Amino acid sequence: MVHRKATLAIALLTAACGGSNTSPTPTSPTMGFFVTSAKSMTGNIGGLRGADNLCQTLAAAAGAGSKTWHAYLSVERDVDNRPTDARNRIGTGPWYNAKLTLVARNLAELHARKGDSTVFVDERGQPINGQWAGSPSPVEHDIMTGSAADGTLMTGFTCGDWTSDSAATVGQVGHSDGLGPNMDTSGSLSSWNSAHANQNCSNTAPRGGAGRIYCFAIN
């Protein structure tokens, strides 16, 4: 009898406190990634500061300005004159795009995936011109990163740390759609962050670019 009363008392106390076994309601996903709708004719986008500011401005215009946004760019010398890997600038995930589609749960998953025109979209949810079937022209899927496939710095491939418009400098780019000519997915052509080097930093258009970058919310 005493045991039954104790059990009843515990049950009533649990109910009064809202139920200790109730699982918390999952947080609804919000945008944490996009390809910039804004373009640059050259590789000079004001370095990391200019790139981060661009990400923040575009995110604010899309209603996501309460988050802190960073550009996915590697540099040889950051504001503290130190080399920086793009993967170390973007938080830990998960990241969703403007359509609230999951891009990746974490850094490992992000750097293991391939480009995809339906996932790697701009801050308004619009796809980036590429090699996908039905894409408008011109091809603009080359996204500046300066990075190897694992998100680390590729020395000499950063358009002078994203401050150069010189024909003597180059920058590494990824394919947002994960495709090459004729929708080829072989080799590095499927890489969203490290497909090939651009022609040079004086003009981002040759080989399929438009001076776009990737932006990630770090919180």
Protein backbone atom coordinates (compact mmCIF):
# COMPACT_ATOMS: atom_id res chain seq x y z
CA MET A 1 0.00 0.00 0.00
CA VAL A 2 2.84 2.38 0.88
CA HIS A 3 4.62 1.51 -2.39
CA ARG A 4 1.45 2.23 -4.42
CA LYS A 5 1.02 5.66 -2.76
CA ALA A 6 4.67 6.53 -3.46
CA THR A 7 4.30 5.60 -7.10
CA LEU A 8 1.15 7.73 -7.40
CA ALA A 9 2.90 10.69 -5.77
CA ILE A 10 5.81 10.49 -8.21
CA ALA A 11 3.41 10.30 -11.17
CA LEU A 12 1.50 13.37 -10.00
CA LEU A 13 4.73 15.32 -9.42
CA THR A 14 6.02 14.42 -12.89
CA ALA A 15 2.76 15.54 -14.51
CA ALA A 16 2.82 18.82 -12.58
CA CYS A 17 6.37 19.52 -13.79
CA GLY A 18 5.42 18.98 -17.40
CA GLY A 19 6.62 15.39 -17.71
CA SER A 20 10.33 14.69 -17.38
CA ASN A 21 10.24 12.09 -20.16
CA THR A 22 8.84 14.47 -22.77
CA SER A 23 11.26 14.96 -25.69
CA PRO A 24 12.06 18.59 -26.60
CA THR A 25 10.49 19.95 -29.76
CA PRO A 26 13.08 19.97 -32.58
CA THR A 27 14.16 23.41 -33.75
CA SER A 28 12.91 24.22 -37.23
CA PRO A 29 15.75 24.58 -39.78
CA THR A 30 16.66 28.02 -41.10
CA MET A 31 18.93 29.10 -43.93
CA GLY A 32 22.60 28.67 -43.11
CA PHE A 33 24.17 28.45 -46.57
CA PHE A 34 23.96 30.08 -49.97
CA VAL A 35 25.83 30.88 -53.15
CA THR A 36 25.98 34.63 -53.66
CA SER A 37 23.61 36.12 -56.20
CA ALA A 38 26.08 39.01 -56.43
CA LYS A 39 28.93 38.58 -58.91
CA SER A 40 32.41 39.99 -59.40
CA MET A 41 34.16 40.55 -62.71
CA THR A 42 37.55 39.94 -61.05
CA GLY A 43 39.09 38.03 -58.17
CA ASN A 44 39.32 41.21 -56.12
CA ILE A 45 36.40 41.09 -53.68
CA GLY A 46 38.06 43.01 -50.87
CA GLY A 47 39.73 40.06 -49.19
CA LEU A 48 38.08 38.15 -46.36
CA ARG A 49 36.59 41.29 -44.85
CA GLY A 50 34.93 42.31 -48.09
CA ALA A 51 33.71 38.77 -48.73
CA ASP A 52 32.30 38.34 -45.22
CA ASN A 53 30.56 41.71 -45.51
CA LEU A 54 29.01 40.65 -48.81
CA CYS A 55 27.70 37.44 -47.23
CA GLN A 56 26.25 39.36 -44.28
CA THR A 57 24.60 41.96 -46.53
CA LEU A 58 22.99 39.40 -48.83
CA ALA A 59 21.84 37.31 -45.88
CA ALA A 60 20.24 40.38 -44.26
CA ALA A 61 18.39 41.17 -47.48
CA ALA A 62 17.07 37.61 -47.47
CA GLY A 63 15.88 37.88 -43.85
CA ALA A 64 18.74 35.97 -42.24
CA GLY A 65 20.85 38.86 -41.00
CA SER A 66 20.57 37.88 -37.34
CA LYS A 67 23.16 35.17 -37.95
CA THR A 68 26.89 35.75 -38.42
CA TRP A 69 27.97 34.87 -41.95
CA HIS A 70 31.42 34.03 -43.30
CA ALA A 71 32.68 33.45 -46.81
CA TYR A 72 34.02 30.00 -47.67
CA LEU A 73 37.46 31.20 -48.77
CA SER A 74 40.99 30.12 -47.99
CA VAL A 75 43.78 32.71 -47.84
CA GLU A 76 47.54 32.73 -47.34
CA ARG A 77 47.35 35.81 -45.09
CA ASP A 78 44.22 36.73 -43.15
CA VAL A 79 43.67 39.95 -41.16
CA ASP A 80 46.21 38.65 -38.62
CA ASN A 81 48.69 37.77 -41.41
CA ARG A 82 48.11 34.05 -40.94
CA PRO A 83 47.10 31.33 -43.40
CA THR A 84 43.44 30.35 -43.11
CA ASP A 85 41.54 27.30 -44.34
CA ALA A 86 38.01 27.86 -45.61
CA ARG A 87 36.71 24.90 -43.60
CA ASN A 88 37.76 26.56 -40.35
CA ARG A 89 35.72 29.71 -41.03
CA ILE A 90 32.19 28.31 -41.31
CA GLY A 91 31.20 26.73 -38.00
CA THR A 92 30.27 23.10 -37.52
CA GLY A 93 26.82 22.75 -39.12
CA PRO A 94 24.25 21.63 -39.87
CA TRP A 95 23.57 23.94 -42.83
CA TYR A 96 20.37 24.33 -44.82
CA ASN A 97 19.91 26.31 -48.02
CA ALA A 98 17.28 28.94 -48.79
CA LYS A 99 14.78 26.20 -49.67
CA LEU A 100 15.51 24.60 -46.26
CA THR A 101 17.08 21.60 -47.94
CA LEU A 102 19.87 20.04 -45.92
CA VAL A 103 23.28 20.77 -47.44
CA ALA A 104 25.33 18.90 -44.82
CA ARG A 105 25.10 17.96 -41.15
CA ASN A 106 28.75 18.62 -40.36
CA LEU A 107 32.15 19.42 -41.86
CA ALA A 108 32.95 15.82 -42.74
CA GLU A 109 29.67 15.37 -44.57
CA LEU A 110 30.06 18.72 -46.33
CA HIS A 111 33.48 17.88 -47.71
CA ALA A 112 32.46 14.37 -48.74
CA ARG A 113 29.54 15.51 -50.90
CA LYS A 114 29.39 16.62 -54.55
CA GLY A 115 27.98 19.74 -56.13
CA ASP A 116 24.27 19.78 -56.95
CA SER A 117 22.38 22.49 -58.84
CA THR A 118 19.24 21.86 -56.76
CA VAL A 119 21.07 22.26 -53.43
CA PHE A 120 23.80 24.82 -54.10
CA VAL A 121 21.47 27.74 -54.73
CA ASP A 122 21.64 31.46 -53.98
CA GLU A 123 20.13 33.29 -51.00
CA ARG A 124 16.81 33.57 -52.83
CA GLY A 125 16.69 29.87 -53.63
CA GLN A 126 17.58 30.37 -57.28
CA PRO A 127 19.85 27.85 -59.06
CA ILE A 128 23.20 28.91 -60.47
CA ASN A 129 23.68 28.68 -64.22
CA GLY A 130 25.68 25.55 -64.97
CA GLN A 131 25.93 22.44 -67.08
CA TRP A 132 22.64 20.99 -65.84
CA ALA A 133 19.90 20.16 -68.34
CA GLY A 134 17.85 23.24 -69.19
CA SER A 135 20.22 25.71 -67.54
CA PRO A 136 20.21 29.26 -68.86
CA SER A 137 23.41 30.60 -70.42
CA PRO A 138 26.15 31.49 -69.74
CA VAL A 139 27.66 28.87 -67.46
CA GLU A 140 28.48 30.46 -64.07
CA HIS A 141 29.04 27.44 -61.85
CA ASP A 142 32.69 28.24 -61.02
CA ILE A 143 32.59 29.39 -57.39
CA MET A 144 35.76 30.93 -55.92
CA THR A 145 37.24 29.07 -52.93
CA GLY A 146 41.05 28.94 -53.07
CA SER A 147 40.70 25.52 -51.47
CA ALA A 148 41.52 21.86 -51.90
CA ALA A 149 38.67 19.34 -51.77
CA ASP A 150 39.08 18.97 -48.00
CA GLY A 151 38.60 22.71 -47.50
CA THR A 152 42.24 23.56 -46.85
CA LEU A 153 44.31 26.31 -48.44
CA MET A 154 45.75 25.87 -51.93
CA THR A 155 48.78 28.15 -51.82
CA GLY A 156 49.08 30.33 -54.91
CA PHE A 157 45.43 29.83 -55.91
CA THR A 158 43.68 32.62 -53.97
CA CYS A 159 43.77 35.61 -56.37
CA GLY A 160 46.19 37.31 -54.02
CA ASP A 161 44.01 36.52 -51.01
CA TRP A 162 41.00 37.78 -52.98
CA THR A 163 42.44 41.27 -53.47
CA SER A 164 43.92 40.86 -56.97
CA ASP A 165 42.53 41.57 -60.43
CA SER A 166 45.80 40.65 -62.11
CA ALA A 167 46.13 38.34 -65.10
CA ALA A 168 49.24 36.98 -63.39
CA THR A 169 47.28 35.46 -60.50
CA VAL A 170 44.79 32.57 -60.38
CA GLY A 171 42.17 31.22 -58.02
CA GLN A 172 40.82 27.73 -57.35
CA VAL A 173 37.09 27.28 -57.98
CA GLY A 174 34.47 24.62 -57.36
CA HIS A 175 31.48 23.56 -59.47
CA SER A 176 28.23 24.39 -57.68
CA ASP A 177 26.32 21.95 -59.89
CA GLY A 178 28.94 19.20 -59.65
CA LEU A 179 29.06 18.96 -63.44
CA GLY A 180 31.47 19.45 -66.30
CA PRO A 181 30.73 19.66 -70.05
CA ASN A 182 27.95 17.31 -71.17
CA MET A 183 27.06 16.82 -67.49
CA ASP A 184 30.34 15.03 -66.86
CA THR A 185 30.84 14.05 -63.20
CA SER A 186 34.26 12.46 -63.57
CA GLY A 187 37.26 13.42 -61.47
CA SER A 188 37.31 16.82 -59.87
CA LEU A 189 34.48 18.15 -62.06
CA SER A 190 31.95 16.97 -59.48
CA SER A 191 33.65 18.89 -56.66
CA TRP A 192 31.65 21.78 -55.26
CA ASN A 193 34.75 23.44 -53.81
CA SER A 194 37.82 22.38 -55.81
CA ALA A 195 37.19 21.58 -59.48
CA HIS A 196 40.01 23.55 -61.19
CA ALA A 197 41.82 26.88 -61.34
CA ASN A 198 40.23 29.82 -63.10
CA GLN A 199 41.92 31.27 -66.18
CA ASN A 200 43.21 34.23 -64.18
CA CYS A 201 41.95 36.81 -61.71
CA SER A 202 41.49 39.67 -64.17
CA ASN A 203 38.28 38.12 -65.54
CA THR A 204 36.21 35.48 -63.73
CA ALA A 205 34.02 34.57 -66.72
CA PRO A 206 36.33 32.35 -68.85
CA ARG A 207 35.98 28.62 -68.05
CA GLY A 208 32.51 29.19 -66.55
CA GLY A 209 32.65 31.68 -63.71
CA ALA A 210 31.01 34.88 -62.51
CA GLY A 211 32.98 35.73 -59.38
CA ARG A 212 30.50 34.17 -56.95
CA ILE A 213 31.39 32.78 -53.52
CA TYR A 214 29.84 30.45 -50.94
CA CYS A 215 28.47 31.86 -47.68
CA PHE A 216 27.88 29.92 -44.43
CA ALA A 217 26.26 30.91 -41.15
CA ILE A 218 28.69 30.13 -38.34
CA ASN A 219 25.97 30.10 -35.64
